[in-house]
Amino acid sequence: MLAWNGSREATRALHDSIPLIAGAEVRILNVQTTSKEMRADATPCSHAARTLMRYGVAVEIEHGTGGSDLTIGELLLSRTADFNADLIVMGAYSHGHVRELVLGGVTRTLLASLTVPVLMSH
């Protein structure tokens, strides 16, 4: 499963994962936090899908509902189980330490509750 938000980190994770997932089946879960507007420089999900298809990857796209970082982290874990995924690929982004202690964070949520291997890139 590829966790996608169009960020530089997500794009980096996608490209870093290609040797591991070439020829596989990938579900792209496109999610945004409600606190973030889609950035003007964000890479569309369709570009990620086209990149994967060039490497023989069968792609399905799902658009998740927005939410807090904690909600998105839980959504990723839940959908990973639903898809029976054996790998999560995602960009890792770190907020300031004080903000992470108060708000959590998608990266922190996944690290605290890993159920499958995760490839994270920053």
PDB file of N, CA and C in Angstrom:
ATOM      1  N   MET A   1       0.844  -1.166   0.000  1.00  0.00           N
ATOM      2  CA  MET A   1       0.000   0.000   0.000  1.00  0.00           C
ATOM      3  C   MET A   1       0.888   1.227   0.000  1.00  0.00           C
ATOM      4  N   LEU A   2       0.533   2.191  -0.824  1.00  0.00           N
ATOM      5  CA  LEU A   2       1.242   3.463  -0.891  1.00  0.00           C
ATOM      6  C   LEU A   2       0.366   4.532  -0.262  1.00  0.00           C
ATOM      7  N   ALA A   3       0.856   5.151   0.820  1.00  0.00           N
ATOM      8  CA  ALA A   3       0.156   6.265   1.453  1.00  0.00           C
ATOM      9  C   ALA A   3       0.560   7.523   0.686  1.00  0.00           C
ATOM     10  N   TRP A   4      -0.411   8.191   0.072  1.00  0.00           N
ATOM     11  CA  TRP A   4      -0.101   9.292  -0.832  1.00  0.00           C
ATOM     12  C   TRP A   4      -0.772  10.586  -0.395  1.00  0.00           C
ATOM     13  N   ASN A   5       0.016  11.656  -0.326  1.00  0.00           N
ATOM     14  CA  ASN A   5      -0.536  12.990  -0.074  1.00  0.00           C
ATOM     15  C   ASN A   5       0.042  14.028  -1.021  1.00  0.00           C
ATOM     16  N   GLY A   6       0.826  13.581  -1.987  1.00  0.00           N
ATOM     17  CA  GLY A   6       1.381  14.483  -2.985  1.00  0.00           C
ATOM     18  C   GLY A   6       2.626  15.225  -2.551  1.00  0.00           C
ATOM     19  N   SER A   7       3.128  14.930  -1.376  1.00  0.00           N
ATOM     20  CA  SER A   7       4.290  15.651  -0.855  1.00  0.00           C
ATOM     21  C   SER A   7       5.597  15.157  -1.478  1.00  0.00           C
ATOM     22  N   ARG A   8       6.637  15.939  -1.257  1.00  0.00           N
ATOM     23  CA  ARG A   8       7.975  15.560  -1.702  1.00  0.00           C
ATOM     24  C   ARG A   8       8.382  14.242  -1.043  1.00  0.00           C
ATOM     25  N   GLU A   9       8.041  14.075   0.235  1.00  0.00           N
ATOM     26  CA  GLU A   9       8.396  12.861   0.965  1.00  0.00           C
ATOM     27  C   GLU A   9       7.678  11.636   0.403  1.00  0.00           C
ATOM     28  N   ALA A  10       6.409  11.785   0.046  1.00  0.00           N
ATOM     29  CA  ALA A  10       5.654  10.666  -0.542  1.00  0.00           C
ATOM     30  C   ALA A  10       6.245  10.284  -1.902  1.00  0.00           C
ATOM     31  N   THR A  11       6.613  11.294  -2.679  1.00  0.00           N
ATOM     32  CA  THR A  11       7.225  11.041  -3.988  1.00  0.00           C
ATOM     33  C   THR A  11       8.547  10.312  -3.821  1.00  0.00           C
ATOM     34  N   ARG A  12       9.331  10.733  -2.863  1.00  0.00           N
ATOM     35  CA  ARG A  12      10.621  10.082  -2.597  1.00  0.00           C
ATOM     36  C   ARG A  12      10.406   8.628  -2.183  1.00  0.00           C
ATOM     37  N   ALA A  13       9.441   8.389  -1.306  1.00  0.00           N
ATOM     38  CA  ALA A  13       9.152   7.018  -0.862  1.00  0.00           C
ATOM     39  C   ALA A  13       8.713   6.151  -2.037  1.00  0.00           C
ATOM     40  N   LEU A  14       7.883   6.699  -2.913  1.00  0.00           N
ATOM     41  CA  LEU A  14       7.438   5.963  -4.096  1.00  0.00           C
ATOM     42  C   LEU A  14       8.637   5.504  -4.917  1.00  0.00           C
ATOM     43  N   HIS A  15       9.519   6.423  -5.234  1.00  0.00           N
ATOM     44  CA  HIS A  15      10.677   6.080  -6.066  1.00  0.00           C
ATOM     45  C   HIS A  15      11.647   5.145  -5.344  1.00  0.00           C
ATOM     46  N   ASP A  16      11.796   5.312  -4.022  1.00  0.00           N
ATOM     47  CA  ASP A  16      12.666   4.416  -3.260  1.00  0.00           C
ATOM     48  C   ASP A  16      12.117   2.992  -3.216  1.00  0.00           C
ATOM     49  N   SER A  17      10.802   2.841  -3.314  1.00  0.00           N
ATOM     50  CA  SER A  17      10.184   1.515  -3.185  1.00  0.00           C
ATOM     51  C   SER A  17      10.135   0.727  -4.485  1.00  0.00           C
ATOM     52  N   ILE A  18      10.384   1.347  -5.602  1.00  0.00           N
ATOM     53  CA  ILE A  18      10.205   0.672  -6.897  1.00  0.00           C
ATOM     54  C   ILE A  18      10.964  -0.651  -7.000  1.00  0.00           C
ATOM     55  N   PRO A  19      12.214  -0.753  -6.552  1.00  0.00           N
ATOM     56  CA  PRO A  19      12.869  -2.072  -6.640  1.00  0.00           C
ATOM     57  C   PRO A  19      12.146  -3.167  -5.848  1.00  0.00           C
ATOM     58  N   LEU A  20      11.424  -2.788  -4.806  1.00  0.00           N
ATOM     59  CA  LEU A  20      10.714  -3.779  -3.979  1.00  0.00           C
ATOM     60  C   LEU A  20       9.348  -4.151  -4.539  1.00  0.00           C
ATOM     61  N   ILE A  21       8.710  -3.227  -5.258  1.00  0.00           N
ATOM     62  CA  ILE A  21       7.318  -3.452  -5.652  1.00  0.00           C
ATOM     63  C   ILE A  21       7.100  -3.589  -7.151  1.00  0.00           C
ATOM     64  N   ALA A  22       8.153  -3.531  -7.942  1.00  0.00           N
ATOM     65  CA  ALA A  22       7.996  -3.686  -9.391  1.00  0.00           C
ATOM     66  C   ALA A  22       7.296  -5.010  -9.685  1.00  0.00           C
ATOM     67  N   GLY A  23       6.237  -4.955 -10.483  1.00  0.00           N
ATOM     68  CA  GLY A  23       5.478  -6.144 -10.851  1.00  0.00           C
ATOM     69  C   GLY A  23       4.436  -6.574  -9.830  1.00  0.00           C
ATOM     70  N   ALA A  24       4.306  -5.853  -8.743  1.00  0.00           N
ATOM     71  CA  ALA A  24       3.361  -6.231  -7.678  1.00  0.00           C
ATOM     72  C   ALA A  24       2.009  -5.555  -7.891  1.00  0.00           C
ATOM     73  N   GLU A  25       1.125  -5.716  -6.925  1.00  0.00           N
ATOM     74  CA  GLU A  25      -0.150  -5.009  -6.895  1.00  0.00           C
ATOM     75  C   GLU A  25      -0.060  -3.972  -5.783  1.00  0.00           C
ATOM     76  N   VAL A  26      -0.445  -2.730  -6.088  1.00  0.00           N
ATOM     77  CA  VAL A  26      -0.354  -1.645  -5.108  1.00  0.00           C
ATOM     78  C   VAL A  26      -1.683  -0.920  -5.023  1.00  0.00           C
ATOM     79  N   ARG A  27      -2.116  -0.701  -3.812  1.00  0.00           N
ATOM     80  CA  ARG A  27      -3.279   0.143  -3.550  1.00  0.00           C
ATOM     81  C   ARG A  27      -2.729   1.486  -3.106  1.00  0.00           C
ATOM     82  N   ILE A  28      -3.099   2.557  -3.798  1.00  0.00           N
ATOM     83  CA  ILE A  28      -2.705   3.902  -3.399  1.00  0.00           C
ATOM     84  C   ILE A  28      -3.843   4.469  -2.569  1.00  0.00           C
ATOM     85  N   LEU A  29      -3.532   4.850  -1.337  1.00  0.00           N
ATOM     86  CA  LEU A  29      -4.505   5.494  -0.469  1.00  0.00           C
ATOM     87  C   LEU A  29      -4.155   6.971  -0.425  1.00  0.00           C
ATOM     88  N   ASN A  30      -4.943   7.771  -1.110  1.00  0.00           N
ATOM     89  CA  ASN A  30      -4.711   9.210  -1.231  1.00  0.00           C
ATOM     90  C   ASN A  30      -5.443   9.924  -0.103  1.00  0.00           C
ATOM     91  N   VAL A  31      -4.711  10.491   0.845  1.00  0.00           N
ATOM     92  CA  VAL A  31      -5.315  11.148   2.007  1.00  0.00           C
ATOM     93  C   VAL A  31      -4.636  12.482   2.298  1.00  0.00           C
ATOM     94  N   GLN A  32      -5.390  13.391   2.863  1.00  0.00           N
ATOM     95  CA  GLN A  32      -4.891  14.698   3.297  1.00  0.00           C
ATOM     96  C   GLN A  32      -5.412  14.953   4.701  1.00  0.00           C
ATOM     97  N   THR A  33      -4.614  15.627   5.511  1.00  0.00           N
ATOM     98  CA  THR A  33      -5.133  16.044   6.804  1.00  0.00           C
ATOM     99  C   THR A  33      -6.071  17.218   6.578  1.00  0.00           C
ATOM    100  N   THR A  34      -7.069  17.361   7.410  1.00  0.00           N
ATOM    101  CA  THR A  34      -8.013  18.467   7.252  1.00  0.00           C
ATOM    102  C   THR A  34      -7.350  19.800   7.525  1.00  0.00           C
ATOM    103  N   SER A  35      -6.263  19.799   8.274  1.00  0.00           N
ATOM    104  CA  SER A  35      -5.586  21.053   8.591  1.00  0.00           C
ATOM    105  C   SER A  35      -4.727  21.559   7.444  1.00  0.00           C
ATOM    106  N   LYS A  36      -4.532  20.726   6.433  1.00  0.00           N
ATOM    107  CA  LYS A  36      -3.677  21.125   5.316  1.00  0.00           C
ATOM    108  C   LYS A  36      -4.503  21.245   4.040  1.00  0.00           C
ATOM    109  N   GLU A  37      -4.366  22.341   3.384  1.00  0.00           N
ATOM    110  CA  GLU A  37      -4.919  22.480   2.046  1.00  0.00           C
ATOM    111  C   GLU A  37      -3.980  21.746   1.101  1.00  0.00           C
ATOM    112  N   MET A  38      -4.494  21.293  -0.019  1.00  0.00           N
ATOM    113  CA  MET A  38      -3.641  20.661  -1.015  1.00  0.00           C
ATOM    114  C   MET A  38      -2.680  21.717  -1.532  1.00  0.00           C
ATOM    115  N   ARG A  39      -1.402  21.472  -1.385  1.00  0.00           N
ATOM    116  CA  ARG A  39      -0.402  22.439  -1.815  1.00  0.00           C
ATOM    117  C   ARG A  39      -0.412  22.568  -3.331  1.00  0.00           C
ATOM    118  N   ALA A  40      -0.101  23.760  -3.803  1.00  0.00           N
ATOM    119  CA  ALA A  40      -0.066  24.002  -5.248  1.00  0.00           C
ATOM    120  C   ALA A  40       1.001  23.156  -5.923  1.00  0.00           C
ATOM    121  N   ASP A  41       2.080  22.830  -5.206  1.00  0.00           N
ATOM    122  CA  ASP A  41       3.158  22.034  -5.790  1.00  0.00           C
ATOM    123  C   ASP A  41       3.028  20.541  -5.504  1.00  0.00           C
ATOM    124  N   ALA A  42       1.884  20.114  -4.955  1.00  0.00           N
ATOM    125  CA  ALA A  42       1.677  18.695  -4.660  1.00  0.00           C
ATOM    126  C   ALA A  42       1.552  17.895  -5.953  1.00  0.00           C
ATOM    127  N   THR A  43       2.135  16.720  -5.939  1.00  0.00           N
ATOM    128  CA  THR A  43       2.073  15.839  -7.101  1.00  0.00           C
ATOM    129  C   THR A  43       0.748  15.075  -7.069  1.00  0.00           C
ATOM    130  N   PRO A  44      -0.025  15.127  -8.156  1.00  0.00           N
ATOM    131  CA  PRO A  44      -1.316  14.421  -8.176  1.00  0.00           C
ATOM    132  C   PRO A  44      -1.138  12.906  -8.056  1.00  0.00           C
ATOM    133  N   CYS A  45      -2.123  12.284  -7.488  1.00  0.00           N
ATOM    134  CA  CYS A  45      -2.139  10.835  -7.308  1.00  0.00           C
ATOM    135  C   CYS A  45      -2.011  10.108  -8.652  1.00  0.00           C
ATOM    136  N   SER A  46      -2.579  10.688  -9.694  1.00  0.00           N
ATOM    137  CA  SER A  46      -2.516  10.052 -11.017  1.00  0.00           C
ATOM    138  C   SER A  46      -1.074   9.935 -11.512  1.00  0.00           C
ATOM    139  N   HIS A  47      -0.206  10.871 -11.128  1.00  0.00           N
ATOM    140  CA  HIS A  47       1.202  10.780 -11.520  1.00  0.00           C
ATOM    141  C   HIS A  47       1.877   9.609 -10.819  1.00  0.00           C
ATOM    142  N   ALA A  48       1.541   9.405  -9.555  1.00  0.00           N
ATOM    143  CA  ALA A  48       2.090   8.260  -8.825  1.00  0.00           C
ATOM    144  C   ALA A  48       1.641   6.952  -9.482  1.00  0.00           C
ATOM    145  N   ALA A  49       0.369   6.890  -9.857  1.00  0.00           N
ATOM    146  CA  ALA A  49      -0.158   5.677 -10.498  1.00  0.00           C
ATOM    147  C   ALA A  49       0.556   5.409 -11.822  1.00  0.00           C
ATOM    148  N   ARG A  50       0.736   6.441 -12.638  1.00  0.00           N
ATOM    149  CA  ARG A  50       1.434   6.264 -13.923  1.00  0.00           C
ATOM    150  C   ARG A  50       2.873   5.806 -13.718  1.00  0.00           C
ATOM    151  N   THR A  51       3.541   6.356 -12.725  1.00  0.00           N
ATOM    152  CA  THR A  51       4.919   5.946 -12.436  1.00  0.00           C
ATOM    153  C   THR A  51       4.966   4.465 -12.098  1.00  0.00           C
ATOM    154  N   LEU A  52       4.066   4.015 -11.238  1.00  0.00           N
ATOM    155  CA  LEU A  52       4.032   2.609 -10.855  1.00  0.00           C
ATOM    156  C   LEU A  52       3.709   1.704 -12.038  1.00  0.00           C
ATOM    157  N   MET A  53       2.766   2.109 -12.868  1.00  0.00           N
ATOM    158  CA  MET A  53       2.370   1.284 -14.019  1.00  0.00           C
ATOM    159  C   MET A  53       3.527   1.099 -15.004  1.00  0.00           C
ATOM    160  N   ARG A  54       4.420   2.091 -15.095  1.00  0.00           N
ATOM    161  CA  ARG A  54       5.597   1.952 -15.964  1.00  0.00           C
ATOM    162  C   ARG A  54       6.498   0.805 -15.519  1.00  0.00           C
ATOM    163  N   TYR A  55       6.393   0.410 -14.266  1.00  0.00           N
ATOM    164  CA  TYR A  55       7.202  -0.678 -13.730  1.00  0.00           C
ATOM    165  C   TYR A  55       6.392  -1.964 -13.581  1.00  0.00           C
ATOM    166  N   GLY A  56       5.285  -2.059 -14.282  1.00  0.00           N
ATOM    167  CA  GLY A  56       4.489  -3.284 -14.279  1.00  0.00           C
ATOM    168  C   GLY A  56       3.655  -3.490 -13.034  1.00  0.00           C
ATOM    169  N   VAL A  57       3.411  -2.429 -12.294  1.00  0.00           N
ATOM    170  CA  VAL A  57       2.626  -2.525 -11.063  1.00  0.00           C
ATOM    171  C   VAL A  57       1.148  -2.360 -11.387  1.00  0.00           C
ATOM    172  N   ALA A  58       0.325  -3.261 -10.889  1.00  0.00           N
ATOM    173  CA  ALA A  58      -1.131  -3.129 -11.003  1.00  0.00           C
ATOM    174  C   ALA A  58      -1.573  -2.162  -9.908  1.00  0.00           C
ATOM    175  N   VAL A  59      -2.278  -1.099 -10.287  1.00  0.00           N
ATOM    176  CA  VAL A  59      -2.585  -0.018  -9.356  1.00  0.00           C
ATOM    177  C   VAL A  59      -4.089   0.140  -9.167  1.00  0.00           C
ATOM    178  N   GLU A  60      -4.488   0.286  -7.910  1.00  0.00           N
ATOM    179  CA  GLU A  60      -5.846   0.704  -7.555  1.00  0.00           C
ATOM    180  C   GLU A  60      -5.706   1.948  -6.699  1.00  0.00           C
ATOM    181  N   ILE A  61      -6.603   2.910  -6.896  1.00  0.00           N
ATOM    182  CA  ILE A  61      -6.546   4.164  -6.141  1.00  0.00           C
ATOM    183  C   ILE A  61      -7.787   4.282  -5.276  1.00  0.00           C
ATOM    184  N   GLU A  62      -7.566   4.653  -4.026  1.00  0.00           N
ATOM    185  CA  GLU A  62      -8.664   4.934  -3.104  1.00  0.00           C
ATOM    186  C   GLU A  62      -8.420   6.309  -2.503  1.00  0.00           C
ATOM    187  N   HIS A  63      -9.445   7.125  -2.484  1.00  0.00           N
ATOM    188  CA  HIS A  63      -9.341   8.447  -1.882  1.00  0.00           C
ATOM    189  C   HIS A  63      -9.938   8.374  -0.485  1.00  0.00           C
ATOM    190  N   GLY A  64      -9.094   8.577   0.527  1.00  0.00           N
ATOM    191  CA  GLY A  64      -9.544   8.552   1.910  1.00  0.00           C
ATOM    192  C   GLY A  64     -10.082   9.905   2.319  1.00  0.00           C
ATOM    193  N   THR A  65     -10.903   9.883   3.332  1.00  0.00           N
ATOM    194  CA  THR A  65     -11.416  11.139   3.856  1.00  0.00           C
ATOM    195  C   THR A  65     -10.344  11.799   4.699  1.00  0.00           C
ATOM    196  N   GLY A  66     -10.335  13.109   4.721  1.00  0.00           N
ATOM    197  CA  GLY A  66      -9.357  13.848   5.512  1.00  0.00           C
ATOM    198  C   GLY A  66      -9.636  13.700   6.991  1.00  0.00           C
ATOM    199  N   GLY A  67      -8.689  14.096   7.767  1.00  0.00           N
ATOM    200  CA  GLY A  67      -8.849  14.027   9.205  1.00  0.00           C
ATOM    201  C   GLY A  67      -7.599  14.518   9.887  1.00  0.00           C
ATOM    202  N   SER A  68      -7.523  14.293  11.172  1.00  0.00           N
ATOM    203  CA  SER A  68      -6.337  14.667  11.925  1.00  0.00           C
ATOM    204  C   SER A  68      -5.213  13.682  11.600  1.00  0.00           C
ATOM    205  N   ASP A  69      -4.001  14.006  12.014  1.00  0.00           N
ATOM    206  CA  ASP A  69      -2.875  13.092  11.811  1.00  0.00           C
ATOM    207  C   ASP A  69      -3.154  11.729  12.439  1.00  0.00           C
ATOM    208  N   LEU A  70      -3.705  11.724  13.645  1.00  0.00           N
ATOM    209  CA  LEU A  70      -4.004  10.471  14.337  1.00  0.00           C
ATOM    210  C   LEU A  70      -5.044   9.664  13.569  1.00  0.00           C
ATOM    211  N   THR A  71      -6.089  10.327  13.082  1.00  0.00           N
ATOM    212  CA  THR A  71      -7.132   9.653  12.314  1.00  0.00           C
ATOM    213  C   THR A  71      -6.564   9.046  11.042  1.00  0.00           C
ATOM    214  N   ILE A  72      -5.696   9.776  10.358  1.00  0.00           N
ATOM    215  CA  ILE A  72      -5.104   9.261   9.121  1.00  0.00           C
ATOM    216  C   ILE A  72      -4.183   8.089   9.426  1.00  0.00           C
ATOM    217  N   GLY A  73      -3.417   8.165  10.490  1.00  0.00           N
ATOM    218  CA  GLY A  73      -2.577   7.036  10.887  1.00  0.00           C
ATOM    219  C   GLY A  73      -3.399   5.789  11.149  1.00  0.00           C
ATOM    220  N   GLU A  74      -4.504   5.948  11.853  1.00  0.00           N
ATOM    221  CA  GLU A  74      -5.389   4.818  12.131  1.00  0.00           C
ATOM    222  C   GLU A  74      -6.049   4.308  10.852  1.00  0.00           C
ATOM    223  N   LEU A  75      -6.419   5.220   9.941  1.00  0.00           N
ATOM    224  CA  LEU A  75      -6.995   4.819   8.653  1.00  0.00           C
ATOM    225  C   LEU A  75      -5.997   3.985   7.866  1.00  0.00           C
ATOM    226  N   LEU A  76      -4.737   4.406   7.830  1.00  0.00           N
ATOM    227  CA  LEU A  76      -3.716   3.646   7.110  1.00  0.00           C
ATOM    228  C   LEU A  76      -3.569   2.238   7.685  1.00  0.00           C
ATOM    229  N   LEU A  77      -3.521   2.139   8.987  1.00  0.00           N
ATOM    230  CA  LEU A  77      -3.404   0.819   9.613  1.00  0.00           C
ATOM    231  C   LEU A  77      -4.631  -0.054   9.328  1.00  0.00           C
ATOM    232  N   SER A  78      -5.813   0.546   9.399  1.00  0.00           N
ATOM    233  CA  SER A  78      -7.048  -0.190   9.143  1.00  0.00           C
ATOM    234  C   SER A  78      -7.118  -0.669   7.700  1.00  0.00           C
ATOM    235  N   ARG A  79      -6.823   0.218   6.762  1.00  0.00           N
ATOM    236  CA  ARG A  79      -6.890  -0.150   5.343  1.00  0.00           C
ATOM    237  C   ARG A  79      -5.798  -1.160   4.981  1.00  0.00           C
ATOM    238  N   THR A  80      -4.662  -1.091   5.655  1.00  0.00           N
ATOM    239  CA  THR A  80      -3.610  -2.087   5.438  1.00  0.00           C
ATOM    240  C   THR A  80      -4.141  -3.480   5.762  1.00  0.00           C
ATOM    241  N   ALA A  81      -4.849  -3.598   6.871  1.00  0.00           N
ATOM    242  CA  ALA A  81      -5.443  -4.891   7.243  1.00  0.00           C
ATOM    243  C   ALA A  81      -6.534  -5.288   6.254  1.00  0.00           C
ATOM    244  N   ASP A  82      -7.372  -4.325   5.857  1.00  0.00           N
ATOM    245  CA  ASP A  82      -8.450  -4.620   4.909  1.00  0.00           C
ATOM    246  C   ASP A  82      -7.910  -5.127   3.579  1.00  0.00           C
ATOM    247  N   PHE A  83      -6.804  -4.552   3.104  1.00  0.00           N
ATOM    248  CA  PHE A  83      -6.224  -4.938   1.812  1.00  0.00           C
ATOM    249  C   PHE A  83      -5.338  -6.169   1.935  1.00  0.00           C
ATOM    250  N   ASN A  84      -5.073  -6.589   3.188  1.00  0.00           N
ATOM    251  CA  ASN A  84      -4.112  -7.661   3.425  1.00  0.00           C
ATOM    252  C   ASN A  84      -2.750  -7.295   2.833  1.00  0.00           C
ATOM    253  N   ALA A  85      -2.392  -6.024   2.979  1.00  0.00           N
ATOM    254  CA  ALA A  85      -1.123  -5.522   2.442  1.00  0.00           C
ATOM    255  C   ALA A  85       0.039  -6.082   3.246  1.00  0.00           C
ATOM    256  N   ASP A  86       1.163  -6.302   2.568  1.00  0.00           N
ATOM    257  CA  ASP A  86       2.333  -6.798   3.275  1.00  0.00           C
ATOM    258  C   ASP A  86       3.443  -5.753   3.367  1.00  0.00           C
ATOM    259  N   LEU A  87       3.165  -4.507   2.919  1.00  0.00           N
ATOM    260  CA  LEU A  87       4.130  -3.416   3.023  1.00  0.00           C
ATOM    261  C   LEU A  87       3.384  -2.097   2.911  1.00  0.00           C
ATOM    262  N   ILE A  88       3.770  -1.126   3.737  1.00  0.00           N
ATOM    263  CA  ILE A  88       3.279   0.247   3.610  1.00  0.00           C
ATOM    264  C   ILE A  88       4.450   1.093   3.136  1.00  0.00           C
ATOM    265  N   VAL A  89       4.216   1.871   2.103  1.00  0.00           N
ATOM    266  CA  VAL A  89       5.215   2.805   1.601  1.00  0.00           C
ATOM    267  C   VAL A  89       4.667   4.199   1.855  1.00  0.00           C
ATOM    268  N   MET A  90       5.468   5.042   2.521  1.00  0.00           N
ATOM    269  CA  MET A  90       4.983   6.384   2.837  1.00  0.00           C
ATOM    270  C   MET A  90       6.138   7.341   3.045  1.00  0.00           C
ATOM    271  N   GLY A  91       5.850   8.600   2.849  1.00  0.00           N
ATOM    272  CA  GLY A  91       6.812   9.633   3.191  1.00  0.00           C
ATOM    273  C   GLY A  91       6.758   9.886   4.682  1.00  0.00           C
ATOM    274  N   ALA A  92       7.894  10.171   5.263  1.00  0.00           N
ATOM    275  CA  ALA A  92       7.954  10.464   6.697  1.00  0.00           C
ATOM    276  C   ALA A  92       8.260  11.942   6.868  1.00  0.00           C
ATOM    277  N   TYR A  93       7.448  12.598   7.639  1.00  0.00           N
ATOM    278  CA  TYR A  93       7.633  14.016   7.896  1.00  0.00           C
ATOM    279  C   TYR A  93       7.588  14.231   9.387  1.00  0.00           C
ATOM    280  N   SER A  94       8.518  14.990   9.894  1.00  0.00           N
ATOM    281  CA  SER A  94       8.572  15.236  11.329  1.00  0.00           C
ATOM    282  C   SER A  94       8.173  16.668  11.626  1.00  0.00           C
ATOM    283  N   HIS A  95       7.226  16.834  12.539  1.00  0.00           N
ATOM    284  CA  HIS A  95       6.853  18.152  13.037  1.00  0.00           C
ATOM    285  C   HIS A  95       7.803  18.491  14.186  1.00  0.00           C
ATOM    286  N   GLY A  96       7.690  19.689  14.712  1.00  0.00           N
ATOM    287  CA  GLY A  96       8.453  20.039  15.901  1.00  0.00           C
ATOM    288  C   GLY A  96       8.080  19.125  17.050  1.00  0.00           C
ATOM    289  N   HIS A  97       8.991  18.899  17.988  1.00  0.00           N
ATOM    290  CA  HIS A  97       8.747  17.956  19.085  1.00  0.00           C
ATOM    291  C   HIS A  97       7.535  18.331  19.933  1.00  0.00           C
ATOM    292  N   VAL A  98       7.344  19.612  20.213  1.00  0.00           N
ATOM    293  CA  VAL A  98       6.196  20.025  21.031  1.00  0.00           C
ATOM    294  C   VAL A  98       4.901  19.735  20.296  1.00  0.00           C
ATOM    295  N   ARG A  99       4.818  20.061  19.019  1.00  0.00           N
ATOM    296  CA  ARG A  99       3.598  19.810  18.249  1.00  0.00           C
ATOM    297  C   ARG A  99       3.307  18.317  18.170  1.00  0.00           C
ATOM    298  N   GLU A 100       4.335  17.495  17.980  1.00  0.00           N
ATOM    299  CA  GLU A 100       4.109  16.053  17.905  1.00  0.00           C
ATOM    300  C   GLU A 100       3.613  15.491  19.229  1.00  0.00           C
ATOM    301  N   LEU A 101       4.107  16.003  20.330  1.00  0.00           N
ATOM    302  CA  LEU A 101       3.637  15.517  21.629  1.00  0.00           C
ATOM    303  C   LEU A 101       2.165  15.831  21.837  1.00  0.00           C
ATOM    304  N   VAL A 102       1.719  16.974  21.315  1.00  0.00           N
ATOM    305  CA  VAL A 102       0.325  17.377  21.487  1.00  0.00           C
ATOM    306  C   VAL A 102      -0.569  16.722  20.449  1.00  0.00           C
ATOM    307  N   LEU A 103      -0.156  16.726  19.191  1.00  0.00           N
ATOM    308  CA  LEU A 103      -1.026  16.282  18.105  1.00  0.00           C
ATOM    309  C   LEU A 103      -0.761  14.865  17.604  1.00  0.00           C
ATOM    310  N   GLY A 104       0.350  14.298  17.958  1.00  0.00           N
ATOM    311  CA  GLY A 104       0.655  12.968  17.444  1.00  0.00           C
ATOM    312  C   GLY A 104       1.372  13.061  16.129  1.00  0.00           C
ATOM    313  N   GLY A 105       0.827  12.565  15.097  1.00  0.00           N
ATOM    314  CA  GLY A 105       1.445  12.583  13.785  1.00  0.00           C
ATOM    315  C   GLY A 105       1.244  11.237  13.125  1.00  0.00           C
ATOM    316  N   VAL A 106       1.083  11.257  11.811  1.00  0.00           N
ATOM    317  CA  VAL A 106       0.865  10.012  11.077  1.00  0.00           C
ATOM    318  C   VAL A 106       2.067   9.092  11.253  1.00  0.00           C
ATOM    319  N   THR A 107       3.272   9.645  11.105  1.00  0.00           N
ATOM    320  CA  THR A 107       4.479   8.841  11.238  1.00  0.00           C
ATOM    321  C   THR A 107       4.560   8.212  12.623  1.00  0.00           C
ATOM    322  N   ARG A 108       4.321   9.003  13.643  1.00  0.00           N
ATOM    323  CA  ARG A 108       4.389   8.507  15.027  1.00  0.00           C
ATOM    324  C   ARG A 108       3.329   7.435  15.280  1.00  0.00           C
ATOM    325  N   THR A 109       2.114   7.633  14.763  1.00  0.00           N
ATOM    326  CA  THR A 109       1.038   6.659  14.935  1.00  0.00           C
ATOM    327  C   THR A 109       1.417   5.322  14.315  1.00  0.00           C
ATOM    328  N   LEU A 110       1.964   5.356  13.099  1.00  0.00           N
ATOM    329  CA  LEU A 110       2.347   4.105  12.450  1.00  0.00           C
ATOM    330  C   LEU A 110       3.499   3.424  13.174  1.00  0.00           C
ATOM    331  N   LEU A 111       4.482   4.200  13.595  1.00  0.00           N
ATOM    332  CA  LEU A 111       5.615   3.601  14.296  1.00  0.00           C
ATOM    333  C   LEU A 111       5.190   2.959  15.609  1.00  0.00           C
ATOM    334  N   ALA A 112       4.187   3.523  16.255  1.00  0.00           N
ATOM    335  CA  ALA A 112       3.723   2.981  17.528  1.00  0.00           C
ATOM    336  C   ALA A 112       2.878   1.728  17.359  1.00  0.00           C
ATOM    337  N   SER A 113       2.318   1.504  16.173  1.00  0.00           N
ATOM    338  CA  SER A 113       1.367   0.403  15.987  1.00  0.00           C
ATOM    339  C   SER A 113       1.649  -0.418  14.744  1.00  0.00           C
ATOM    340  N   LEU A 114       2.896  -0.602  14.407  1.00  0.00           N
ATOM    341  CA  LEU A 114       3.233  -1.323  13.187  1.00  0.00           C
ATOM    342  C   LEU A 114       2.661  -2.736  13.186  1.00  0.00           C
ATOM    343  N   THR A 115       2.032  -3.096  12.086  1.00  0.00           N
ATOM    344  CA  THR A 115       1.527  -4.455  11.905  1.00  0.00           C
ATOM    345  C   THR A 115       2.165  -5.128  10.704  1.00  0.00           C
ATOM    346  N   VAL A 116       2.777  -4.344   9.817  1.00  0.00           N
ATOM    347  CA  VAL A 116       3.499  -4.845   8.647  1.00  0.00           C
ATOM    348  C   VAL A 116       4.746  -3.977   8.475  1.00  0.00           C
ATOM    349  N   PRO A 117       5.701  -4.421   7.678  1.00  0.00           N
ATOM    350  CA  PRO A 117       6.874  -3.574   7.418  1.00  0.00           C
ATOM    351  C   PRO A 117       6.453  -2.260   6.748  1.00  0.00           C
ATOM    352  N   VAL A 118       7.185  -1.197   7.064  1.00  0.00           N
ATOM    353  CA  VAL A 118       6.921   0.117   6.502  1.00  0.00           C
ATOM    354  C   VAL A 118       8.204   0.673   5.910  1.00  0.00           C
ATOM    355  N   LEU A 119       8.134   1.118   4.657  1.00  0.00           N
ATOM    356  CA  LEU A 119       9.250   1.819   4.043  1.00  0.00           C
ATOM    357  C   LEU A 119       8.917   3.294   4.116  1.00  0.00           C
ATOM    358  N   MET A 120       9.717   4.051   4.870  1.00  0.00           N
ATOM    359  CA  MET A 120       9.507   5.489   5.012  1.00  0.00           C
ATOM    360  C   MET A 120      10.702   6.221   4.416  1.00  0.00           C
ATOM    361  N   SER A 121      10.419   7.297   3.709  1.00  0.00           N
ATOM    362  CA  SER A 121      11.484   8.148   3.163  1.00  0.00           C
ATOM    363  C   SER A 121      11.206   9.575   3.541  1.00  0.00           C
ATOM    364  N   HIS A 122      12.287  10.316   3.735  1.00  0.00           N
ATOM    365  CA  HIS A 122      12.140  11.741   4.079  1.00  0.00           C
ATOM    366  C   HIS A 122      12.896  12.578   3.079  1.00  0.00           C
TER     367      HIS A 122
END
